[in-house]
Amino acid sequence: MAAAYMHIGIPVTNKKPGMVYNEGARFWVSSVDDYDYKIEYLKFEEGTPFPEVLHRNPHVAYKVDDLQKYIDDADSVICGPMDANDKGDQLAFVWKDGAILELYQEV
């Protein structure tokens, strides 16, 4: 198994400059390239399909080579796997060793 750091995701209650809206999933997100240290800010709107635990807690995202193996190794699954985009990439959020991880696999 191989994992590479992508970003840290931090939920916020107020929009930050430059955030874009994901209408399908009802949340605002910043570009990780806009901030040092690859920070992704997220502001979730009412009706988002993402669980409440993600609205209140940061996560660390990793690009993985085999999403299912990492899901199987997790302590529990928060949500996913799900489509990350229209290219077929997949992601899931899991608990592992007391931390929330976003696992991302490109096709």
PDB file of N, CA and C in Angstrom:
ATOM      1  N   MET A   1       0.849  -1.181   0.000  1.00  0.00           N
ATOM      2  CA  MET A   1       0.000   0.000   0.000  1.00  0.00           C
ATOM      3  C   MET A   1       0.892   1.242   0.000  1.00  0.00           C
ATOM      4  N   ALA A   2       0.444   2.260  -0.706  1.00  0.00           N
ATOM      5  CA  ALA A   2       1.191   3.513  -0.740  1.00  0.00           C
ATOM      6  C   ALA A   2       0.228   4.686  -0.607  1.00  0.00           C
ATOM      7  N   ALA A   3       0.604   5.660   0.237  1.00  0.00           N
ATOM      8  CA  ALA A   3      -0.214   6.846   0.454  1.00  0.00           C
ATOM      9  C   ALA A   3       0.679   8.079   0.381  1.00  0.00           C
ATOM     10  N   ALA A   4       0.156   9.145  -0.229  1.00  0.00           N
ATOM     11  CA  ALA A   4       0.888  10.406  -0.333  1.00  0.00           C
ATOM     12  C   ALA A   4       0.011  11.526   0.210  1.00  0.00           C
ATOM     13  N   TYR A   5       0.607  12.370   1.052  1.00  0.00           N
ATOM     14  CA  TYR A   5      -0.119  13.496   1.642  1.00  0.00           C
ATOM     15  C   TYR A   5      -0.665  14.408   0.545  1.00  0.00           C
ATOM     16  N   MET A   6      -1.938  14.828   0.701  1.00  0.00           N
ATOM     17  CA  MET A   6      -2.555  15.776  -0.232  1.00  0.00           C
ATOM     18  C   MET A   6      -2.823  17.127   0.435  1.00  0.00           C
ATOM     19  N   HIS A   7      -3.552  17.118   1.576  1.00  0.00           N
ATOM     20  CA  HIS A   7      -3.909  18.368   2.247  1.00  0.00           C
ATOM     21  C   HIS A   7      -4.479  18.075   3.628  1.00  0.00           C
ATOM     22  N   ILE A   8      -4.640  19.142   4.399  1.00  0.00           N
ATOM     23  CA  ILE A   8      -5.431  19.069   5.620  1.00  0.00           C
ATOM     24  C   ILE A   8      -6.710  19.853   5.340  1.00  0.00           C
ATOM     25  N   GLY A   9      -7.839  19.286   5.729  1.00  0.00           N
ATOM     26  CA  GLY A   9      -9.131  19.935   5.537  1.00  0.00           C
ATOM     27  C   GLY A   9      -9.635  20.486   6.859  1.00  0.00           C
ATOM     28  N   ILE A  10      -9.974  21.771   6.868  1.00  0.00           N
ATOM     29  CA  ILE A  10     -10.416  22.424   8.087  1.00  0.00           C
ATOM     30  C   ILE A  10     -11.799  23.018   7.860  1.00  0.00           C
ATOM     31  N   PRO A  11     -12.801  22.549   8.612  1.00  0.00           N
ATOM     32  CA  PRO A  11     -14.135  23.135   8.477  1.00  0.00           C
ATOM     33  C   PRO A  11     -14.175  24.518   9.126  1.00  0.00           C
ATOM     34  N   VAL A  12     -14.879  25.445   8.477  1.00  0.00           N
ATOM     35  CA  VAL A  12     -15.031  26.809   8.983  1.00  0.00           C
ATOM     36  C   VAL A  12     -16.513  27.175   8.966  1.00  0.00           C
ATOM     37  N   THR A  13     -16.866  28.200   9.724  1.00  0.00           N
ATOM     38  CA  THR A  13     -18.262  28.656   9.753  1.00  0.00           C
ATOM     39  C   THR A  13     -18.486  29.885   8.885  1.00  0.00           C
ATOM     40  N   ASN A  14     -17.402  30.554   8.486  1.00  0.00           N
ATOM     41  CA  ASN A  14     -17.510  31.717   7.607  1.00  0.00           C
ATOM     42  C   ASN A  14     -16.707  31.471   6.347  1.00  0.00           C
ATOM     43  N   LYS A  15     -17.270  31.889   5.203  1.00  0.00           N
ATOM     44  CA  LYS A  15     -16.567  31.710   3.931  1.00  0.00           C
ATOM     45  C   LYS A  15     -15.261  32.496   3.919  1.00  0.00           C
ATOM     46  N   LYS A  16     -14.269  31.889   3.300  1.00  0.00           N
ATOM     47  CA  LYS A  16     -12.980  32.535   3.085  1.00  0.00           C
ATOM     48  C   LYS A  16     -12.938  33.034   1.640  1.00  0.00           C
ATOM     49  N   PRO A  17     -12.129  34.078   1.380  1.00  0.00           N
ATOM     50  CA  PRO A  17     -12.011  34.577   0.005  1.00  0.00           C
ATOM     51  C   PRO A  17     -11.576  33.475  -0.956  1.00  0.00           C
ATOM     52  N   GLY A  18     -12.177  33.464  -2.128  1.00  0.00           N
ATOM     53  CA  GLY A  18     -11.784  32.510  -3.164  1.00  0.00           C
ATOM     54  C   GLY A  18     -12.453  31.152  -3.092  1.00  0.00           C
ATOM     55  N   MET A  19     -13.285  30.923  -2.087  1.00  0.00           N
ATOM     56  CA  MET A  19     -13.967  29.630  -2.000  1.00  0.00           C
ATOM     57  C   MET A  19     -14.949  29.488  -3.165  1.00  0.00           C
ATOM     58  N   VAL A  20     -15.099  28.260  -3.645  1.00  0.00           N
ATOM     59  CA  VAL A  20     -16.067  27.969  -4.699  1.00  0.00           C
ATOM     60  C   VAL A  20     -17.124  27.024  -4.144  1.00  0.00           C
ATOM     61  N   TYR A  21     -18.315  27.104  -4.725  1.00  0.00           N
ATOM     62  CA  TYR A  21     -19.446  26.340  -4.222  1.00  0.00           C
ATOM     63  C   TYR A  21     -19.615  25.058  -5.017  1.00  0.00           C
ATOM     64  N   ASN A  22     -19.747  23.946  -4.311  1.00  0.00           N
ATOM     65  CA  ASN A  22     -20.069  22.656  -4.921  1.00  0.00           C
ATOM     66  C   ASN A  22     -21.564  22.460  -4.726  1.00  0.00           C
ATOM     67  N   GLU A  23     -22.324  22.766  -5.765  1.00  0.00           N
ATOM     68  CA  GLU A  23     -23.781  22.754  -5.654  1.00  0.00           C
ATOM     69  C   GLU A  23     -24.334  21.365  -5.370  1.00  0.00           C
ATOM     70  N   GLY A  24     -23.780  20.349  -5.996  1.00  0.00           N
ATOM     71  CA  GLY A  24     -24.283  18.997  -5.801  1.00  0.00           C
ATOM     72  C   GLY A  24     -24.137  18.500  -4.372  1.00  0.00           C
ATOM     73  N   ALA A  25     -23.026  18.868  -3.721  1.00  0.00           N
ATOM     74  CA  ALA A  25     -22.768  18.401  -2.361  1.00  0.00           C
ATOM     75  C   ALA A  25     -23.018  19.486  -1.312  1.00  0.00           C
ATOM     76  N   ARG A  26     -23.408  20.672  -1.743  1.00  0.00           N
ATOM     77  CA  ARG A  26     -23.800  21.774  -0.860  1.00  0.00           C
ATOM     78  C   ARG A  26     -22.726  22.149   0.158  1.00  0.00           C
ATOM     79  N   PHE A  27     -21.538  22.482  -0.368  1.00  0.00           N
ATOM     80  CA  PHE A  27     -20.487  23.008   0.502  1.00  0.00           C
ATOM     81  C   PHE A  27     -19.594  23.948  -0.293  1.00  0.00           C
ATOM     82  N   TRP A  28     -18.934  24.840   0.420  1.00  0.00           N
ATOM     83  CA  TRP A  28     -17.937  25.748  -0.130  1.00  0.00           C
ATOM     84  C   TRP A  28     -16.560  25.157   0.153  1.00  0.00           C
ATOM     85  N   VAL A  29     -15.622  25.349  -0.777  1.00  0.00           N
ATOM     86  CA  VAL A  29     -14.277  24.793  -0.598  1.00  0.00           C
ATOM     87  C   VAL A  29     -13.241  25.744  -1.186  1.00  0.00           C
ATOM     88  N   SER A  30     -12.118  25.855  -0.489  1.00  0.00           N
ATOM     89  CA  SER A  30     -11.002  26.644  -1.009  1.00  0.00           C
ATOM     90  C   SER A  30     -10.064  25.728  -1.785  1.00  0.00           C
ATOM     91  N   SER A  31      -9.221  26.329  -2.590  1.00  0.00           N
ATOM     92  CA  SER A  31      -8.188  25.581  -3.296  1.00  0.00           C
ATOM     93  C   SER A  31      -7.004  25.381  -2.365  1.00  0.00           C
ATOM     94  N   VAL A  32      -6.491  24.173  -2.302  1.00  0.00           N
ATOM     95  CA  VAL A  32      -5.341  23.914  -1.431  1.00  0.00           C
ATOM     96  C   VAL A  32      -4.118  24.697  -1.881  1.00  0.00           C
ATOM     97  N   ASP A  33      -4.083  25.115  -3.133  1.00  0.00           N
ATOM     98  CA  ASP A  33      -2.944  25.870  -3.644  1.00  0.00           C
ATOM     99  C   ASP A  33      -2.990  27.345  -3.251  1.00  0.00           C
ATOM    100  N   ASP A  34      -4.118  27.794  -2.680  1.00  0.00           N
ATOM    101  CA  ASP A  34      -4.238  29.191  -2.229  1.00  0.00           C
ATOM    102  C   ASP A  34      -3.597  29.424  -0.863  1.00  0.00           C
ATOM    103  N   TYR A  35      -3.244  28.366  -0.171  1.00  0.00           N
ATOM    104  CA  TYR A  35      -2.739  28.489   1.199  1.00  0.00           C
ATOM    105  C   TYR A  35      -1.453  27.685   1.363  1.00  0.00           C
ATOM    106  N   ASP A  36      -0.540  28.250   2.152  1.00  0.00           N
ATOM    107  CA  ASP A  36       0.659  27.490   2.492  1.00  0.00           C
ATOM    108  C   ASP A  36       0.250  26.215   3.224  1.00  0.00           C
ATOM    109  N   TYR A  37       1.052  25.226   3.155  1.00  0.00           N
ATOM    110  CA  TYR A  37       0.853  23.956   3.864  1.00  0.00           C
ATOM    111  C   TYR A  37      -0.321  23.141   3.333  1.00  0.00           C
ATOM    112  N   LYS A  38      -0.811  23.474   2.136  1.00  0.00           N
ATOM    113  CA  LYS A  38      -1.883  22.679   1.500  1.00  0.00           C
ATOM    114  C   LYS A  38      -3.119  22.566   2.401  1.00  0.00           C
ATOM    115  N   ILE A  39      -3.658  23.701   2.816  1.00  0.00           N
ATOM    116  CA  ILE A  39      -4.867  23.726   3.644  1.00  0.00           C
ATOM    117  C   ILE A  39      -6.082  23.867   2.747  1.00  0.00           C
ATOM    118  N   GLU A  40      -7.097  23.052   3.017  1.00  0.00           N
ATOM    119  CA  GLU A  40      -8.391  23.130   2.334  1.00  0.00           C
ATOM    120  C   GLU A  40      -9.423  23.546   3.377  1.00  0.00           C
ATOM    121  N   TYR A  41     -10.037  24.711   3.165  1.00  0.00           N
ATOM    122  CA  TYR A  41     -11.098  25.155   4.065  1.00  0.00           C
ATOM    123  C   TYR A  41     -12.434  24.734   3.480  1.00  0.00           C
ATOM    124  N   LEU A  42     -13.329  24.266   4.356  1.00  0.00           N
ATOM    125  CA  LEU A  42     -14.652  23.782   3.937  1.00  0.00           C
ATOM    126  C   LEU A  42     -15.734  24.449   4.776  1.00  0.00           C
ATOM    127  N   LYS A  43     -16.778  24.912   4.101  1.00  0.00           N
ATOM    128  CA  LYS A  43     -17.949  25.444   4.790  1.00  0.00           C
ATOM    129  C   LYS A  43     -19.161  24.675   4.278  1.00  0.00           C
ATOM    130  N   PHE A  44     -19.724  23.865   5.140  1.00  0.00           N
ATOM    131  CA  PHE A  44     -20.845  23.014   4.766  1.00  0.00           C
ATOM    132  C   PHE A  44     -22.166  23.769   4.921  1.00  0.00           C
ATOM    133  N   GLU A  45     -23.063  23.579   3.971  1.00  0.00           N
ATOM    134  CA  GLU A  45     -24.383  24.203   3.997  1.00  0.00           C
ATOM    135  C   GLU A  45     -25.428  23.183   4.462  1.00  0.00           C
ATOM    136  N   GLU A  46     -26.555  23.695   4.893  1.00  0.00           N
ATOM    137  CA  GLU A  46     -27.657  22.816   5.283  1.00  0.00           C
ATOM    138  C   GLU A  46     -28.041  21.942   4.092  1.00  0.00           C
ATOM    139  N   GLY A  47     -28.257  20.668   4.365  1.00  0.00           N
ATOM    140  CA  GLY A  47     -28.639  19.735   3.317  1.00  0.00           C
ATOM    141  C   GLY A  47     -27.473  19.028   2.647  1.00  0.00           C
ATOM    142  N   THR A  48     -26.243  19.311   3.081  1.00  0.00           N
ATOM    143  CA  THR A  48     -25.098  18.599   2.510  1.00  0.00           C
ATOM    144  C   THR A  48     -25.198  17.116   2.860  1.00  0.00           C
ATOM    145  N   PRO A  49     -24.768  16.249   1.958  1.00  0.00           N
ATOM    146  CA  PRO A  49     -24.804  14.823   2.279  1.00  0.00           C
ATOM    147  C   PRO A  49     -23.664  14.374   3.201  1.00  0.00           C
ATOM    148  N   PHE A  50     -22.709  15.260   3.465  1.00  0.00           N
ATOM    149  CA  PHE A  50     -21.583  14.871   4.314  1.00  0.00           C
ATOM    150  C   PHE A  50     -22.001  14.847   5.778  1.00  0.00           C
ATOM    151  N   PRO A  51     -21.607  13.810   6.521  1.00  0.00           N
ATOM    152  CA  PRO A  51     -21.994  13.658   7.924  1.00  0.00           C
ATOM    153  C   PRO A  51     -21.499  14.814   8.797  1.00  0.00           C
ATOM    154  N   GLU A  52     -22.229  15.063   9.869  1.00  0.00           N
ATOM    155  CA  GLU A  52     -21.953  16.151  10.800  1.00  0.00           C
ATOM    156  C   GLU A  52     -20.521  16.106  11.350  1.00  0.00           C
ATOM    157  N   VAL A  53     -19.975  14.937  11.569  1.00  0.00           N
ATOM    158  CA  VAL A  53     -18.622  14.829  12.123  1.00  0.00           C
ATOM    159  C   VAL A  53     -17.602  15.550  11.232  1.00  0.00           C
ATOM    160  N   LEU A  54     -17.845  15.599   9.923  1.00  0.00           N
ATOM    161  CA  LEU A  54     -16.927  16.288   9.018  1.00  0.00           C
ATOM    162  C   LEU A  54     -17.116  17.799   9.063  1.00  0.00           C
ATOM    163  N   HIS A  55     -18.277  18.262   9.519  1.00  0.00           N
ATOM    164  CA  HIS A  55     -18.547  19.694   9.636  1.00  0.00           C
ATOM    165  C   HIS A  55     -17.792  20.300  10.815  1.00  0.00           C
ATOM    166  N   ARG A  56     -17.391  19.466  11.772  1.00  0.00           N
ATOM    167  CA  ARG A  56     -16.861  19.946  13.047  1.00  0.00           C
ATOM    168  C   ARG A  56     -15.397  19.575  13.314  1.00  0.00           C
ATOM    169  N   ASN A  57     -14.849  18.689  12.498  1.00  0.00           N
ATOM    170  CA  ASN A  57     -13.508  18.168  12.765  1.00  0.00           C
ATOM    171  C   ASN A  57     -12.626  18.251  11.523  1.00  0.00           C
ATOM    172  N   PRO A  58     -11.343  18.545  11.700  1.00  0.00           N
ATOM    173  CA  PRO A  58     -10.424  18.538  10.562  1.00  0.00           C
ATOM    174  C   PRO A  58     -10.136  17.113  10.089  1.00  0.00           C
ATOM    175  N   HIS A  59      -9.634  17.021   8.889  1.00  0.00           N
ATOM    176  CA  HIS A  59      -9.220  15.730   8.352  1.00  0.00           C
ATOM    177  C   HIS A  59      -7.893  15.910   7.615  1.00  0.00           C
ATOM    178  N   VAL A  60      -7.190  14.806   7.445  1.00  0.00           N
ATOM    179  CA  VAL A  60      -5.970  14.779   6.653  1.00  0.00           C
ATOM    180  C   VAL A  60      -6.246  13.903   5.441  1.00  0.00           C
ATOM    181  N   ALA A  61      -5.913  14.432   4.254  1.00  0.00           N
ATOM    182  CA  ALA A  61      -6.203  13.723   3.006  1.00  0.00           C
ATOM    183  C   ALA A  61      -4.940  13.103   2.427  1.00  0.00           C
ATOM    184  N   TYR A  62      -5.118  11.880   1.951  1.00  0.00           N
ATOM    185  CA  TYR A  62      -4.035  11.142   1.305  1.00  0.00           C
ATOM    186  C   TYR A  62      -4.510  10.581  -0.022  1.00  0.00           C
ATOM    187  N   LYS A  63      -3.639  10.663  -1.025  1.00  0.00           N
ATOM    188  CA  LYS A  63      -3.876   9.945  -2.274  1.00  0.00           C
ATOM    189  C   LYS A  63      -3.365   8.539  -2.052  1.00  0.00           C
ATOM    190  N   VAL A  64      -4.208   7.549  -2.349  1.00  0.00           N
ATOM    191  CA  VAL A  64      -3.853   6.154  -2.104  1.00  0.00           C
ATOM    192  C   VAL A  64      -3.874   5.367  -3.403  1.00  0.00           C
ATOM    193  N   ASP A  65      -3.147   4.273  -3.403  1.00  0.00           N
ATOM    194  CA  ASP A  65      -3.067   3.439  -4.595  1.00  0.00           C
ATOM    195  C   ASP A  65      -4.157   2.372  -4.642  1.00  0.00           C
ATOM    196  N   ASP A  66      -4.777   2.071  -3.509  1.00  0.00           N
ATOM    197  CA  ASP A  66      -5.820   1.051  -3.459  1.00  0.00           C
ATOM    198  C   ASP A  66      -6.829   1.440  -2.373  1.00  0.00           C
ATOM    199  N   LEU A  67      -7.857   2.163  -2.770  1.00  0.00           N
ATOM    200  CA  LEU A  67      -8.824   2.705  -1.824  1.00  0.00           C
ATOM    201  C   LEU A  67      -9.419   1.624  -0.934  1.00  0.00           C
ATOM    202  N   GLN A  68      -9.806   0.509  -1.505  1.00  0.00           N
ATOM    203  CA  GLN A  68     -10.459  -0.530  -0.716  1.00  0.00           C
ATOM    204  C   GLN A  68      -9.552  -1.100   0.368  1.00  0.00           C
ATOM    205  N   LYS A  69      -8.270  -1.264   0.073  1.00  0.00           N
ATOM    206  CA  LYS A  69      -7.340  -1.773   1.092  1.00  0.00           C
ATOM    207  C   LYS A  69      -7.244  -0.815   2.275  1.00  0.00           C
ATOM    208  N   TYR A  70      -7.223   0.488   2.002  1.00  0.00           N
ATOM    209  CA  TYR A  70      -7.171   1.467   3.089  1.00  0.00           C
ATOM    210  C   TYR A  70      -8.480   1.518   3.861  1.00  0.00           C
ATOM    211  N   ILE A  71      -9.596   1.374   3.174  1.00  0.00           N
ATOM    212  CA  ILE A  71     -10.891   1.315   3.857  1.00  0.00           C
ATOM    213  C   ILE A  71     -10.929   0.098   4.766  1.00  0.00           C
ATOM    214  N   ASP A  72     -10.468  -1.036   4.262  1.00  0.00           N
ATOM    215  CA  ASP A  72     -10.458  -2.263   5.059  1.00  0.00           C
ATOM    216  C   ASP A  72      -9.551  -2.140   6.286  1.00  0.00           C
ATOM    217  N   ASP A  73      -8.514  -1.314   6.196  1.00  0.00           N
ATOM    218  CA  ASP A  73      -7.569  -1.125   7.293  1.00  0.00           C
ATOM    219  C   ASP A  73      -8.042  -0.077   8.311  1.00  0.00           C
ATOM    220  N   ALA A  74      -9.076   0.673   7.973  1.00  0.00           N
ATOM    221  CA  ALA A  74      -9.570   1.742   8.851  1.00  0.00           C
ATOM    222  C   ALA A  74     -10.277   1.165  10.077  1.00  0.00           C
ATOM    223  N   ASP A  75     -10.372   1.983  11.122  1.00  0.00           N
ATOM    224  CA  ASP A  75     -11.122   1.583  12.311  1.00  0.00           C
ATOM    225  C   ASP A  75     -12.619   1.576  12.030  1.00  0.00           C
ATOM    226  N   SER A  76     -13.096   2.572  11.253  1.00  0.00           N
ATOM    227  CA  SER A  76     -14.490   2.609  10.803  1.00  0.00           C
ATOM    228  C   SER A  76     -14.602   3.566   9.627  1.00  0.00           C
ATOM    229  N   VAL A  77     -15.684   3.422   8.886  1.00  0.00           N
ATOM    230  CA  VAL A  77     -15.942   4.268   7.719  1.00  0.00           C
ATOM    231  C   VAL A  77     -16.946   5.346   8.108  1.00  0.00           C
ATOM    232  N   ILE A  78     -16.617   6.585   7.814  1.00  0.00           N
ATOM    233  CA  ILE A  78     -17.536   7.695   8.051  1.00  0.00           C
ATOM    234  C   ILE A  78     -18.496   7.819   6.876  1.00  0.00           C
ATOM    235  N   CYS A  79     -17.950   7.855   5.664  1.00  0.00           N
ATOM    236  CA  CYS A  79     -18.787   7.860   4.456  1.00  0.00           C
ATOM    237  C   CYS A  79     -17.941   7.464   3.254  1.00  0.00           C
ATOM    238  N   GLY A  80     -18.627   6.963   2.229  1.00  0.00           N
ATOM    239  CA  GLY A  80     -17.958   6.547   1.014  1.00  0.00           C
ATOM    240  C   GLY A  80     -17.780   5.037   0.982  1.00  0.00           C
ATOM    241  N   PRO A  81     -17.158   4.569  -0.073  1.00  0.00           N
ATOM    242  CA  PRO A  81     -16.576   5.344  -1.154  1.00  0.00           C
ATOM    243  C   PRO A  81     -17.646   6.014  -2.021  1.00  0.00           C
ATOM    244  N   MET A  82     -17.224   7.126  -2.655  1.00  0.00           N
ATOM    245  CA  MET A  82     -18.123   7.902  -3.500  1.00  0.00           C
ATOM    246  C   MET A  82     -17.309   8.517  -4.628  1.00  0.00           C
ATOM    247  N   ASP A  83     -18.025   8.944  -5.668  1.00  0.00           N
ATOM    248  CA  ASP A  83     -17.371   9.622  -6.780  1.00  0.00           C
ATOM    249  C   ASP A  83     -16.829  10.962  -6.306  1.00  0.00           C
ATOM    250  N   ALA A  84     -15.586  11.251  -6.661  1.00  0.00           N
ATOM    251  CA  ALA A  84     -14.966  12.520  -6.312  1.00  0.00           C
ATOM    252  C   ALA A  84     -15.136  13.556  -7.420  1.00  0.00           C
ATOM    253  N   ASN A  85     -15.324  13.078  -8.635  1.00  0.00           N
ATOM    254  CA  ASN A  85     -15.461  13.955  -9.801  1.00  0.00           C
ATOM    255  C   ASN A  85     -16.042  13.144 -10.950  1.00  0.00           C
ATOM    256  N   ASP A  86     -16.118  13.779 -12.117  1.00  0.00           N
ATOM    257  CA  ASP A  86     -16.687  13.082 -13.276  1.00  0.00           C
ATOM    258  C   ASP A  86     -15.665  12.243 -14.036  1.00  0.00           C
ATOM    259  N   LYS A  87     -14.411  12.193 -13.550  1.00  0.00           N
ATOM    260  CA  LYS A  87     -13.379  11.359 -14.176  1.00  0.00           C
ATOM    261  C   LYS A  87     -13.383   9.933 -13.641  1.00  0.00           C
ATOM    262  N   GLY A  88     -14.118   9.698 -12.546  1.00  0.00           N
ATOM    263  CA  GLY A  88     -14.148   8.371 -11.963  1.00  0.00           C
ATOM    264  C   GLY A  88     -13.282   8.210 -10.725  1.00  0.00           C
ATOM    265  N   ASP A  89     -12.606   9.290 -10.291  1.00  0.00           N
ATOM    266  CA  ASP A  89     -11.844   9.215  -9.048  1.00  0.00           C
ATOM    267  C   ASP A  89     -12.805   8.934  -7.897  1.00  0.00           C
ATOM    268  N   GLN A  90     -12.300   8.256  -6.861  1.00  0.00           N
ATOM    269  CA  GLN A  90     -13.121   7.862  -5.719  1.00  0.00           C
ATOM    270  C   GLN A  90     -12.516   8.389  -4.432  1.00  0.00           C
ATOM    271  N   LEU A  91     -13.384   8.642  -3.430  1.00  0.00           N
ATOM    272  CA  LEU A  91     -12.893   9.037  -2.121  1.00  0.00           C
ATOM    273  C   LEU A  91     -13.763   8.447  -1.029  1.00  0.00           C
ATOM    274  N   ALA A  92     -13.198   8.409   0.154  1.00  0.00           N
ATOM    275  CA  ALA A  92     -13.912   7.951   1.347  1.00  0.00           C
ATOM    276  C   ALA A  92     -13.309   8.683   2.543  1.00  0.00           C
ATOM    277  N   PHE A  93     -14.125   8.852   3.572  1.00  0.00           N
ATOM    278  CA  PHE A  93     -13.661   9.392   4.842  1.00  0.00           C
ATOM    279  C   PHE A  93     -13.745   8.286   5.877  1.00  0.00           C
ATOM    280  N   VAL A  94     -12.666   8.114   6.638  1.00  0.00           N
ATOM    281  CA  VAL A  94     -12.598   7.035   7.622  1.00  0.00           C
ATOM    282  C   VAL A  94     -11.997   7.546   8.920  1.00  0.00           C
ATOM    283  N   TRP A  95     -12.239   6.789   9.993  1.00  0.00           N
ATOM    284  CA  TRP A  95     -11.514   6.963  11.246  1.00  0.00           C
ATOM    285  C   TRP A  95     -10.356   5.986  11.244  1.00  0.00           C
ATOM    286  N   LYS A  96      -9.161   6.474  11.604  1.00  0.00           N
ATOM    287  CA  LYS A  96      -7.992   5.608  11.741  1.00  0.00           C
ATOM    288  C   LYS A  96      -7.125   6.177  12.862  1.00  0.00           C
ATOM    289  N   ASP A  97      -6.933   5.395  13.905  1.00  0.00           N
ATOM    290  CA  ASP A  97      -6.079   5.793  15.031  1.00  0.00           C
ATOM    291  C   ASP A  97      -6.494   7.141  15.624  1.00  0.00           C
ATOM    292  N   GLY A  98      -7.804   7.378  15.727  1.00  0.00           N
ATOM    293  CA  GLY A  98      -8.325   8.588  16.346  1.00  0.00           C
ATOM    294  C   GLY A  98      -8.360   9.811  15.454  1.00  0.00           C
ATOM    295  N   ALA A  99      -8.006   9.666  14.193  1.00  0.00           N
ATOM    296  CA  ALA A  99      -8.001  10.786  13.254  1.00  0.00           C
ATOM    297  C   ALA A  99      -8.959  10.510  12.099  1.00  0.00           C
ATOM    298  N   ILE A 100      -9.492  11.586  11.530  1.00  0.00           N
ATOM    299  CA  ILE A 100     -10.309  11.460  10.320  1.00  0.00           C
ATOM    300  C   ILE A 100      -9.380  11.588   9.125  1.00  0.00           C
ATOM    301  N   LEU A 101      -9.436  10.596   8.252  1.00  0.00           N
ATOM    302  CA  LEU A 101      -8.644  10.598   7.030  1.00  0.00           C
ATOM    303  C   LEU A 101      -9.565  10.627   5.824  1.00  0.00           C
ATOM    304  N   GLU A 102      -9.190  11.431   4.853  1.00  0.00           N
ATOM    305  CA  GLU A 102      -9.820  11.366   3.534  1.00  0.00           C
ATOM    306  C   GLU A 102      -8.896  10.521   2.674  1.00  0.00           C
ATOM    307  N   LEU A 103      -9.435   9.494   2.085  1.00  0.00           N
ATOM    308  CA  LEU A 103      -8.673   8.614   1.195  1.00  0.00           C
ATOM    309  C   LEU A 103      -9.125   8.875  -0.223  1.00  0.00           C
ATOM    310  N   TYR A 104      -8.202   9.136  -1.110  1.00  0.00           N
ATOM    311  CA  TYR A 104      -8.526   9.559  -2.481  1.00  0.00           C
ATOM    312  C   TYR A 104      -7.762   8.685  -3.464  1.00  0.00           C
ATOM    313  N   GLN A 105      -8.494   8.078  -4.392  1.00  0.00           N
ATOM    314  CA  GLN A 105      -7.845   7.263  -5.426  1.00  0.00           C
ATOM    315  C   GLN A 105      -8.215   7.773  -6.796  1.00  0.00           C
ATOM    316  N   GLU A 106      -7.198   8.080  -7.593  1.00  0.00           N
ATOM    317  CA  GLU A 106      -7.396   8.471  -8.973  1.00  0.00           C
ATOM    318  C   GLU A 106      -7.509   7.232  -9.841  1.00  0.00           C
ATOM    319  N   VAL A 107      -8.261   7.356 -10.928  1.00  0.00           N
ATOM    320  CA  VAL A 107      -8.368   6.233 -11.867  1.00  0.00           C
ATOM    321  C   VAL A 107      -7.242   6.260 -12.870  1.00  0.00           C
TER     322      VAL A 107
END
